[in-house]
Amino acid sequence: ELVAGFGRVNIVPMNVSGTVGTWTWVSDSAYYASGYWWNPSAAQNDESSYQVRLPPGEYRVFGVFNTAPSRGIATIEFDDVDVGTIDLYSSSGGLVDVLNSQVITVVSTVTKLTLAIKTKNGSSSGYRCVLSALEIMETPT
């Protein structure tokens, strides 16, 4: 379980509470956070979930991803509700995209954050995901 401090939670992608499919951490200093969390299984509906303790309030989720021709569309869910998606397909690859979710209202203190690869761009050759960082930040009121 990850705990918020100072209105934000930095999630090390490999500190998961559960996965669907095969996910693994690769150390690589060329990436943000000195590595990346990816799904070599590259199967539709692969997911990685995290239990996060947050005080009640409003938050946004930010993610740093790598794009490529084999990437899927990443969906972020808060307590099983979709709050943002990002298409990770790129014909040239190697670009980093940042997901900025919609505002999420947290009522209970323990929340489940899920990264799921449910679908893909019609031009993509797969459902792969390469994630460098996830962060939950409280929005100012």
C-alpha atoms as a PDB file:
ATOM      1  CA  GLU A   1       0.000   0.000   0.000  1.00  0.00           C
ATOM      2  CA  LEU A   2       1.318   3.421  -0.981  1.00  0.00           C
ATOM      3  CA  VAL A   3       0.655   6.430   1.266  1.00  0.00           C
ATOM      4  CA  ALA A   4       0.209  10.053   0.175  1.00  0.00           C
ATOM      5  CA  GLY A   5       2.514  12.721   1.540  1.00  0.00           C
ATOM      6  CA  PHE A   6       2.310  16.434   0.813  1.00  0.00           C
ATOM      7  CA  GLY A   7      -0.658  15.937  -1.533  1.00  0.00           C
ATOM      8  CA  ARG A   8       1.068  13.535  -3.924  1.00  0.00           C
ATOM      9  CA  VAL A   9       2.055   9.894  -4.378  1.00  0.00           C
ATOM     10  CA  ASN A  10       4.944   8.889  -6.616  1.00  0.00           C
ATOM     11  CA  ILE A  11       4.366   5.307  -7.693  1.00  0.00           C
ATOM     12  CA  VAL A  12       7.307   3.105  -8.512  1.00  0.00           C
ATOM     13  CA  PRO A  13       5.589   1.013 -11.174  1.00  0.00           C
ATOM     14  CA  MET A  14       6.946  -2.310  -9.905  1.00  0.00           C
ATOM     15  CA  ASN A  15       5.363  -1.846  -6.418  1.00  0.00           C
ATOM     16  CA  VAL A  16       2.136  -3.484  -7.539  1.00  0.00           C
ATOM     17  CA  SER A  17      -0.662  -5.064  -5.553  1.00  0.00           C
ATOM     18  CA  GLY A  18      -1.730  -7.208  -8.513  1.00  0.00           C
ATOM     19  CA  THR A  19      -1.200  -7.872 -12.203  1.00  0.00           C
ATOM     20  CA  VAL A  20      -2.951  -9.500 -15.146  1.00  0.00           C
ATOM     21  CA  GLY A  21      -0.502 -10.783 -17.748  1.00  0.00           C
ATOM     22  CA  THR A  22       3.274 -10.664 -17.448  1.00  0.00           C
ATOM     23  CA  TRP A  23       4.881  -7.408 -16.215  1.00  0.00           C
ATOM     24  CA  THR A  24       8.530  -6.822 -15.372  1.00  0.00           C
ATOM     25  CA  TRP A  25      10.874  -3.989 -14.360  1.00  0.00           C
ATOM     26  CA  VAL A  26      13.855  -3.181 -16.609  1.00  0.00           C
ATOM     27  CA  SER A  27      16.648  -0.981 -15.229  1.00  0.00           C
ATOM     28  CA  ASP A  28      17.755   1.532 -17.850  1.00  0.00           C
ATOM     29  CA  SER A  29      19.267   4.922 -17.009  1.00  0.00           C
ATOM     30  CA  ALA A  30      18.030   6.363 -20.327  1.00  0.00           C
ATOM     31  CA  TYR A  31      14.461   6.331 -18.954  1.00  0.00           C
ATOM     32  CA  TYR A  32      12.758   8.601 -16.445  1.00  0.00           C
ATOM     33  CA  ALA A  33      12.986   6.854 -13.026  1.00  0.00           C
ATOM     34  CA  SER A  34      16.047   4.916 -14.329  1.00  0.00           C
ATOM     35  CA  GLY A  35      13.948   2.176 -15.834  1.00  0.00           C
ATOM     36  CA  TYR A  36      10.535   1.085 -17.015  1.00  0.00           C
ATOM     37  CA  TRP A  37       7.676  -1.277 -16.187  1.00  0.00           C
ATOM     38  CA  TRP A  38       6.435  -3.178 -19.208  1.00  0.00           C
ATOM     39  CA  ASN A  39       4.284  -6.100 -20.279  1.00  0.00           C
ATOM     40  CA  PRO A  40       6.354  -8.445 -22.482  1.00  0.00           C
ATOM     41  CA  SER A  41       3.220 -10.598 -22.836  1.00  0.00           C
ATOM     42  CA  ALA A  42       1.720  -7.631 -24.753  1.00  0.00           C
ATOM     43  CA  ALA A  43      -1.767  -9.127 -24.441  1.00  0.00           C
ATOM     44  CA  GLN A  44      -5.044  -7.277 -24.578  1.00  0.00           C
ATOM     45  CA  ASN A  45      -6.360  -6.569 -21.055  1.00  0.00           C
ATOM     46  CA  ASP A  46      -2.950  -6.782 -19.366  1.00  0.00           C
ATOM     47  CA  GLU A  47      -3.134  -4.675 -16.215  1.00  0.00           C
ATOM     48  CA  SER A  48      -1.137  -3.570 -13.217  1.00  0.00           C
ATOM     49  CA  SER A  49      -2.877  -2.315 -10.057  1.00  0.00           C
ATOM     50  CA  TYR A  50      -1.831  -0.410  -6.937  1.00  0.00           C
ATOM     51  CA  GLN A  51      -3.446   0.116  -3.525  1.00  0.00           C
ATOM     52  CA  VAL A  52      -3.019   3.759  -2.535  1.00  0.00           C
ATOM     53  CA  ARG A  53      -3.958   5.469   0.752  1.00  0.00           C
ATOM     54  CA  LEU A  54      -5.125   9.032   0.080  1.00  0.00           C
ATOM     55  CA  PRO A  55      -6.908  11.547   2.275  1.00  0.00           C
ATOM     56  CA  PRO A  56     -10.321  12.542   0.849  1.00  0.00           C
ATOM     57  CA  GLY A  57      -9.967  15.220  -1.820  1.00  0.00           C
ATOM     58  CA  GLU A  58      -9.542  15.824  -5.549  1.00  0.00           C
ATOM     59  CA  TYR A  59      -6.611  14.374  -7.487  1.00  0.00           C
ATOM     60  CA  ARG A  60      -5.169  13.904 -10.982  1.00  0.00           C
ATOM     61  CA  VAL A  61      -3.054  10.998 -12.239  1.00  0.00           C
ATOM     62  CA  PHE A  62       0.013  11.655 -14.386  1.00  0.00           C
ATOM     63  CA  GLY A  63       1.927   8.970 -16.283  1.00  0.00           C
ATOM     64  CA  VAL A  64       5.146   8.977 -18.308  1.00  0.00           C
ATOM     65  CA  PHE A  65       5.101   6.449 -21.163  1.00  0.00           C
ATOM     66  CA  ASN A  66       7.221   5.466 -24.175  1.00  0.00           C
ATOM     67  CA  THR A  67       5.573   5.244 -27.596  1.00  0.00           C
ATOM     68  CA  ALA A  68       6.258   2.786 -30.457  1.00  0.00           C
ATOM     69  CA  PRO A  69       4.527   0.927 -33.340  1.00  0.00           C
ATOM     70  CA  SER A  70       3.647  -2.003 -31.011  1.00  0.00           C
ATOM     71  CA  ARG A  71       2.016  -0.012 -28.186  1.00  0.00           C
ATOM     72  CA  GLY A  72      -1.567  -0.215 -26.974  1.00  0.00           C
ATOM     73  CA  ILE A  73      -3.881   2.376 -25.478  1.00  0.00           C
ATOM     74  CA  ALA A  74      -3.301   2.786 -21.735  1.00  0.00           C
ATOM     75  CA  THR A  75      -6.343   3.313 -19.522  1.00  0.00           C
ATOM     76  CA  ILE A  76      -6.057   4.594 -15.965  1.00  0.00           C
ATOM     77  CA  GLU A  77      -8.811   3.534 -13.557  1.00  0.00           C
ATOM     78  CA  PHE A  78      -9.530   4.750 -10.043  1.00  0.00           C
ATOM     79  CA  ASP A  79     -11.636   2.222  -8.112  1.00  0.00           C
ATOM     80  CA  ASP A  80     -12.581   0.530 -11.421  1.00  0.00           C
ATOM     81  CA  VAL A  81     -13.760   3.771 -13.095  1.00  0.00           C
ATOM     82  CA  ASP A  82     -11.909   4.972 -16.233  1.00  0.00           C
ATOM     83  CA  VAL A  83     -10.390   8.410 -15.595  1.00  0.00           C
ATOM     84  CA  GLY A  84      -8.016   8.793 -18.534  1.00  0.00           C
ATOM     85  CA  THR A  85      -6.564   7.130 -21.617  1.00  0.00           C
ATOM     86  CA  ILE A  86      -3.498   7.673 -23.751  1.00  0.00           C
ATOM     87  CA  ASP A  87      -2.735   6.154 -27.159  1.00  0.00           C
ATOM     88  CA  LEU A  88       0.873   4.921 -27.003  1.00  0.00           C
ATOM     89  CA  TYR A  89       1.100   4.098 -30.710  1.00  0.00           C
ATOM     90  CA  SER A  90       3.636   6.023 -32.789  1.00  0.00           C
ATOM     91  CA  SER A  91       4.909   4.944 -36.208  1.00  0.00           C
ATOM     92  CA  SER A  92       8.406   6.240 -35.389  1.00  0.00           C
ATOM     93  CA  GLY A  93       8.444   5.366 -31.672  1.00  0.00           C
ATOM     94  CA  GLY A  94      10.675   6.487 -28.859  1.00  0.00           C
ATOM     95  CA  LEU A  95       8.647   9.538 -27.909  1.00  0.00           C
ATOM     96  CA  VAL A  96       7.512  10.086 -24.357  1.00  0.00           C
ATOM     97  CA  ASP A  97       3.877  10.950 -23.764  1.00  0.00           C
ATOM     98  CA  VAL A  98       2.423  12.159 -20.490  1.00  0.00           C
ATOM     99  CA  LEU A  99      -1.093  11.249 -19.396  1.00  0.00           C
ATOM    100  CA  ASN A 100      -3.001  13.885 -17.428  1.00  0.00           C
ATOM    101  CA  SER A 101      -6.246  12.355 -16.163  1.00  0.00           C
ATOM    102  CA  GLN A 102      -9.526  14.023 -15.406  1.00  0.00           C
ATOM    103  CA  VAL A 103     -10.067  15.237 -11.821  1.00  0.00           C
ATOM    104  CA  ILE A 104     -10.837  12.333  -9.490  1.00  0.00           C
ATOM    105  CA  THR A 105     -12.760  12.756  -6.239  1.00  0.00           C
ATOM    106  CA  VAL A 106     -11.526  10.405  -3.523  1.00  0.00           C
ATOM    107  CA  VAL A 107     -13.971   9.657  -0.719  1.00  0.00           C
ATOM    108  CA  SER A 108     -12.549   6.524   0.932  1.00  0.00           C
ATOM    109  CA  THR A 109      -8.968   6.484   2.177  1.00  0.00           C
ATOM    110  CA  VAL A 110      -7.781   3.346   0.374  1.00  0.00           C
ATOM    111  CA  THR A 111      -8.078   3.575  -3.387  1.00  0.00           C
ATOM    112  CA  LYS A 112      -7.210   1.137  -6.168  1.00  0.00           C
ATOM    113  CA  LEU A 113      -5.323   2.630  -9.121  1.00  0.00           C
ATOM    114  CA  THR A 114      -5.168   0.411 -12.220  1.00  0.00           C
ATOM    115  CA  LEU A 115      -3.215   0.728 -15.459  1.00  0.00           C
ATOM    116  CA  ALA A 116      -4.932  -1.411 -18.113  1.00  0.00           C
ATOM    117  CA  ILE A 117      -4.185  -2.013 -21.797  1.00  0.00           C
ATOM    118  CA  LYS A 118      -7.711  -2.729 -23.025  1.00  0.00           C
ATOM    119  CA  THR A 119      -7.454  -1.723 -26.665  1.00  0.00           C
ATOM    120  CA  LYS A 120      -5.058  -0.439 -29.316  1.00  0.00           C
ATOM    121  CA  ASN A 121      -4.826   1.975 -32.201  1.00  0.00           C
ATOM    122  CA  GLY A 122      -5.848   0.357 -35.507  1.00  0.00           C
ATOM    123  CA  SER A 123      -2.313   0.941 -36.827  1.00  0.00           C
ATOM    124  CA  SER A 124      -0.586  -0.639 -33.812  1.00  0.00           C
ATOM    125  CA  SER A 125       0.864  -4.132 -34.040  1.00  0.00           C
ATOM    126  CA  GLY A 126       0.237  -4.959 -30.375  1.00  0.00           C
ATOM    127  CA  TYR A 127      -0.860  -4.178 -26.818  1.00  0.00           C
ATOM    128  CA  ARG A 128       2.553  -3.420 -25.335  1.00  0.00           C
ATOM    129  CA  CYS A 129       2.980  -0.750 -22.635  1.00  0.00           C
ATOM    130  CA  VAL A 130       6.212   0.854 -21.402  1.00  0.00           C
ATOM    131  CA  LEU A 131       5.681   2.960 -18.274  1.00  0.00           C
ATOM    132  CA  SER A 132       8.394   5.012 -16.539  1.00  0.00           C
ATOM    133  CA  ALA A 133       6.373   6.728 -13.797  1.00  0.00           C
ATOM    134  CA  LEU A 134       2.930   7.257 -12.322  1.00  0.00           C
ATOM    135  CA  GLU A 135       2.099  10.089  -9.960  1.00  0.00           C
ATOM    136  CA  ILE A 136      -1.088  11.072  -8.163  1.00  0.00           C
ATOM    137  CA  MET A 137      -1.287  14.770  -7.289  1.00  0.00           C
ATOM    138  CA  GLU A 138      -3.891  16.580  -5.231  1.00  0.00           C
ATOM    139  CA  THR A 139      -5.554  19.422  -7.131  1.00  0.00           C
ATOM    140  CA  PRO A 140      -5.665  22.827  -5.456  1.00  0.00           C
ATOM    141  CA  THR A 141      -9.053  23.835  -4.085  1.00  0.00           C
END
